[in-house]
Protein backbone atom coordinates (compact mmCIF):
# COMPACT_ATOMS: atom_id res chain seq x y z
CA UNK A 1 -33.59 44.90 169.41
CA UNK A 2 -37.17 45.49 169.57
CA UNK A 3 -38.71 49.15 170.25
CA UNK A 4 -40.97 49.71 173.54
CA UNK A 5 -44.17 49.66 172.90
CA UNK A 6 -45.95 53.05 174.17
CA UNK A 7 -48.17 52.75 176.96
CA UNK A 8 -50.86 55.01 178.25
CA UNK A 9 -53.27 55.58 181.59
CA UNK A 10 -56.01 58.42 181.33
CA UNK A 11 -58.89 59.06 183.70
CA UNK A 12 -61.41 61.69 183.86
CA UNK A 13 -63.70 62.02 186.35
CA UNK A 14 -65.73 58.29 186.11
CA UNK A 15 -63.61 56.99 183.09
CA UNK A 16 -60.52 54.99 183.37
CA UNK A 17 -58.78 54.11 180.16
CA UNK A 18 -55.30 52.21 180.22
CA UNK A 19 -53.21 50.62 177.19
CA UNK A 20 -54.96 47.37 178.30
CA UNK A 21 -58.44 48.28 178.50
CA UNK A 22 -58.73 51.21 175.98
CA UNK A 23 -61.96 52.63 177.50
CA UNK A 24 -63.52 55.36 175.43
CA UNK A 25 -61.42 54.48 172.64
CA UNK A 26 -58.65 57.46 173.18
CA UNK A 27 -57.14 58.01 169.75
CA UNK A 28 -54.71 61.25 170.63
CA UNK A 29 -52.97 62.86 173.63
CA UNK A 30 -51.64 66.11 173.41
CA UNK A 31 -50.10 67.85 176.64
CA UNK A 32 -49.15 72.01 176.40
CA UNK A 33 -46.51 72.97 178.89
CA UNK A 34 -44.53 76.47 178.90
CA UNK A 35 -43.28 78.42 181.46
CA UNK A 36 -44.44 81.50 179.20
CA UNK A 37 -48.24 80.44 179.78
CA UNK A 38 -49.51 80.12 183.38
CA UNK A 39 -51.72 76.89 182.83
CA UNK A 40 -50.96 73.42 181.24
CA UNK A 41 -53.37 72.47 178.73
CA UNK A 42 -54.25 68.68 177.49
CA UNK A 43 -56.12 67.86 174.30
CA UNK A 44 -57.77 64.54 174.34
CA UNK A 45 -59.61 62.56 171.30
CA UNK A 46 -61.99 60.09 172.21
CA UNK A 47 -63.48 57.64 169.95
CA UNK A 48 -66.71 58.26 172.57
CA UNK A 49 -67.27 60.56 175.70
CA UNK A 50 -67.27 58.16 178.47
CA UNK A 51 -69.60 59.96 180.50
CA UNK A 52 -66.82 63.17 180.83
CA UNK A 53 -68.15 65.95 182.06
CA UNK A 54 -66.45 69.99 182.41
CA UNK A 55 -65.31 70.32 185.94
CA UNK A 56 -64.01 66.25 186.11
CA UNK A 57 -60.79 66.00 187.30
CA UNK A 58 -58.21 64.56 184.77
CA UNK A 59 -54.65 62.71 185.03
CA UNK A 60 -52.60 61.16 182.01
CA UNK A 61 -49.60 59.30 182.63
CA UNK A 62 -47.70 58.28 179.58
CA UNK A 63 -44.60 55.59 179.15
CA UNK A 64 -43.64 51.97 177.75
CA UNK A 65 -43.39 48.52 179.33
CA UNK A 66 -41.22 49.33 181.92
CA UNK A 67 -44.07 51.80 183.28
CA UNK A 68 -46.00 54.63 183.16
CA UNK A 69 -45.19 58.47 184.33
CA UNK A 70 -47.68 60.97 184.92
CA UNK A 71 -47.46 63.93 182.41
CA UNK A 72 -50.80 66.17 183.19
CA UNK A 73 -52.85 66.58 186.40
CA UNK A 74 -55.78 69.03 186.03
CA UNK A 75 -59.33 69.21 185.18
CA UNK A 76 -61.86 68.83 182.25
CA UNK A 77 -62.60 72.42 180.86
CA UNK A 78 -64.42 71.86 177.68
CA UNK A 79 -65.81 68.98 175.32
CA UNK A 80 -66.80 69.26 171.90
CA UNK A 81 -69.10 66.54 170.51
CA UNK A 82 -66.66 65.48 166.78
CA UNK A 83 -68.06 62.90 164.19
CA UNK A 84 -66.91 59.95 165.78
CA UNK A 85 -66.58 60.89 169.18
CA UNK A 86 -65.38 64.07 170.77
CA UNK A 87 -62.10 66.44 171.73
CA UNK A 88 -61.76 67.13 175.21
CA UNK A 89 -59.83 70.12 176.27
CA UNK A 90 -58.32 70.21 180.27
CA UNK A 91 -56.41 72.82 182.07
CA UNK A 92 -53.90 72.19 184.31
CA UNK A 93 -54.26 72.96 188.74
CA UNK A 94 -52.81 76.37 188.01
CA UNK A 95 -55.83 77.66 187.08
CA UNK A 96 -56.71 77.87 190.51
CA UNK A 97 -53.85 80.57 191.82
CA UNK A 98 -55.29 82.22 188.39
CA UNK A 99 -59.06 82.29 189.35
CA UNK A 100 -57.74 83.20 193.15
CA UNK A 101 -59.05 87.16 194.12
CA UNK A 102 -58.19 88.10 197.32
CA UNK A 103 -56.84 91.07 199.17
CA UNK A 104 -53.55 90.89 201.78
CA UNK A 105 -51.04 92.40 202.82
CA UNK A 106 -47.77 90.81 204.57
CA UNK A 107 -45.53 92.13 206.38
CA UNK A 108 -41.20 91.34 207.07
CA UNK A 109 -42.27 87.99 205.32
CA UNK A 110 -40.40 86.23 202.98
CA UNK A 111 -41.50 85.84 199.42
CA UNK A 112 -41.71 81.92 199.84
CA UNK A 113 -44.10 82.40 202.43
CA UNK A 114 -46.55 84.95 200.18
CA UNK A 115 -46.54 82.35 197.86
CA UNK A 116 -47.55 79.16 200.51
CA UNK A 117 -50.26 81.43 201.75
CA UNK A 118 -52.03 82.10 198.37
CA UNK A 119 -51.31 78.62 197.38
CA UNK A 120 -53.12 77.20 200.10
CA UNK A 121 -55.80 79.53 199.66
CA UNK A 122 -55.91 78.32 196.21
CA UNK A 123 -56.44 74.93 197.67
CA UNK A 124 -53.27 73.91 195.59
CA UNK A 125 -50.67 71.40 196.51
CA UNK A 126 -46.99 73.00 197.16
CA UNK A 127 -43.52 71.78 195.60
CA UNK A 128 -40.60 73.26 196.07
CA UNK A 129 -41.15 76.86 197.19
CA UNK A 130 -37.77 78.78 197.93
CA UNK A 131 -37.77 81.77 200.48
CA UNK A 132 -35.62 84.23 198.99
CA UNK A 133 -35.65 87.43 200.32
CA UNK A 134 -37.54 89.00 203.32
CA UNK A 135 -40.25 91.52 202.02
CA UNK A 136 -40.80 94.26 203.96
CA UNK A 137 -44.12 95.21 203.07
CA UNK A 138 -46.57 92.93 199.82
CA UNK A 139 -49.73 93.48 198.92
CA UNK A 140 -52.20 91.56 196.84
CA UNK A 141 -54.87 93.23 195.24
CA UNK A 142 -58.41 91.43 194.83
CA UNK A 143 -58.80 93.29 191.04
CA UNK A 144 -56.05 91.02 189.59
CA UNK A 145 -55.51 87.42 189.84
CA UNK A 146 -52.97 85.78 192.38
CA UNK A 147 -50.86 84.06 189.83
CA UNK A 148 -50.26 87.87 187.69
CA UNK A 149 -49.26 89.00 191.18
CA UNK A 150 -46.95 86.00 192.07
CA UNK A 151 -45.43 85.98 188.23
CA UNK A 152 -44.42 89.62 188.93
CA UNK A 153 -42.87 89.00 191.83
CA UNK A 154 -41.14 85.68 190.91
CA UNK A 155 -39.94 88.10 188.01
CA UNK A 156 -38.76 90.85 189.64
CA UNK A 157 -36.87 88.44 192.53
CA UNK A 158 -35.34 86.41 189.07
CA UNK A 159 -37.41 83.29 190.31
CA UNK A 160 -39.79 80.66 188.47
CA UNK A 161 -43.17 79.96 188.88
CA UNK A 162 -44.81 77.15 187.85
CA UNK A 163 -47.06 73.84 188.28
CA UNK A 164 -45.47 70.51 187.68
CA UNK A 165 -46.80 67.58 186.06
CA UNK A 166 -48.43 66.30 189.56
CA UNK A 167 -50.16 69.76 189.88
CA UNK A 168 -47.85 71.00 192.83
CA UNK A 169 -47.04 74.68 192.55
CA UNK A 170 -43.29 75.63 192.70
CA UNK A 171 -41.23 79.00 193.29
CA UNK A 172 -37.74 78.74 192.50
CA UNK A 173 -34.77 80.73 192.12
CA UNK A 174 -33.13 81.05 189.18
CA UNK A 175 -29.50 81.74 188.45
CA UNK A 176 -28.13 84.89 190.75
CA UNK A 177 -30.85 84.94 192.54
CA UNK A 178 -30.50 81.13 194.03
CA UNK A 179 -28.19 82.46 195.97
CA UNK A 180 -30.36 84.90 197.84
CA UNK A 181 -31.50 83.93 201.06
CA UNK A 182 -34.39 85.18 203.55
CA UNK A 183 -33.43 88.67 204.60
CA UNK A 184 -31.14 88.86 201.84
CA UNK A 185 -32.43 92.44 200.60
CA UNK A 186 -29.23 94.25 201.06
CA UNK A 187 -27.70 92.06 198.59
CA UNK A 188 -31.00 92.71 195.83
CA UNK A 189 -30.63 96.13 196.39
CA UNK A 190 -26.38 96.34 195.59
C-alpha cells in the first residue's frame, strides 16, 4: 500500500502557494497551538519572500491527496531575512481580543452574552459560545486586555476560551460546568 503524499495550501497576502505550484518555495510549516497560550502561532520558512508583508492575512491548510484541511488562520506578525529566503512568524486571530482594551459593564447578562459582545468588538468570528450562568454584574476594565478578563471568567466558571483553526472564538463549558445553564448561579454557589 502506497503512503499518501502530503499536500499543502498556503496564502499570505498576495502570495498563494500550494503543492502543485509551490510559489516562494515553502520549506517548513510549524503550527504552535495550546490552550495555555492565548494566541496560536505559525512559523513558515520560505526560499523567497513572495512579497509577504506584516499584517497580511494568512491561511494554511495541510493534508494529503484526499484533500487538505485548514489548520491555521491569522496574520503575518514578523518577517526575518535568512540566507536563501526568509522566516515568517504569524499570529492567530485571538490577538485582536488580547489587544482589545475597553471599559464595559454588564447587568443580569449571561456569561456567553458578555463573550459575544467582546468578541464582536474585537471584530472576530463567533464559534460555539455556551451561555452559562447569568451574571448579576460584570465589569471589563480598559487597563487589562479583554482576553485576560474573559479567560479569568472562563476559569472561574470551569469553561475554556480558545480560537479554532478557522479563527472562530469558542467559550465552552468543561466537565461539571457543562450542566450549568443561564440562570444557574445557585448551582454554582452550592
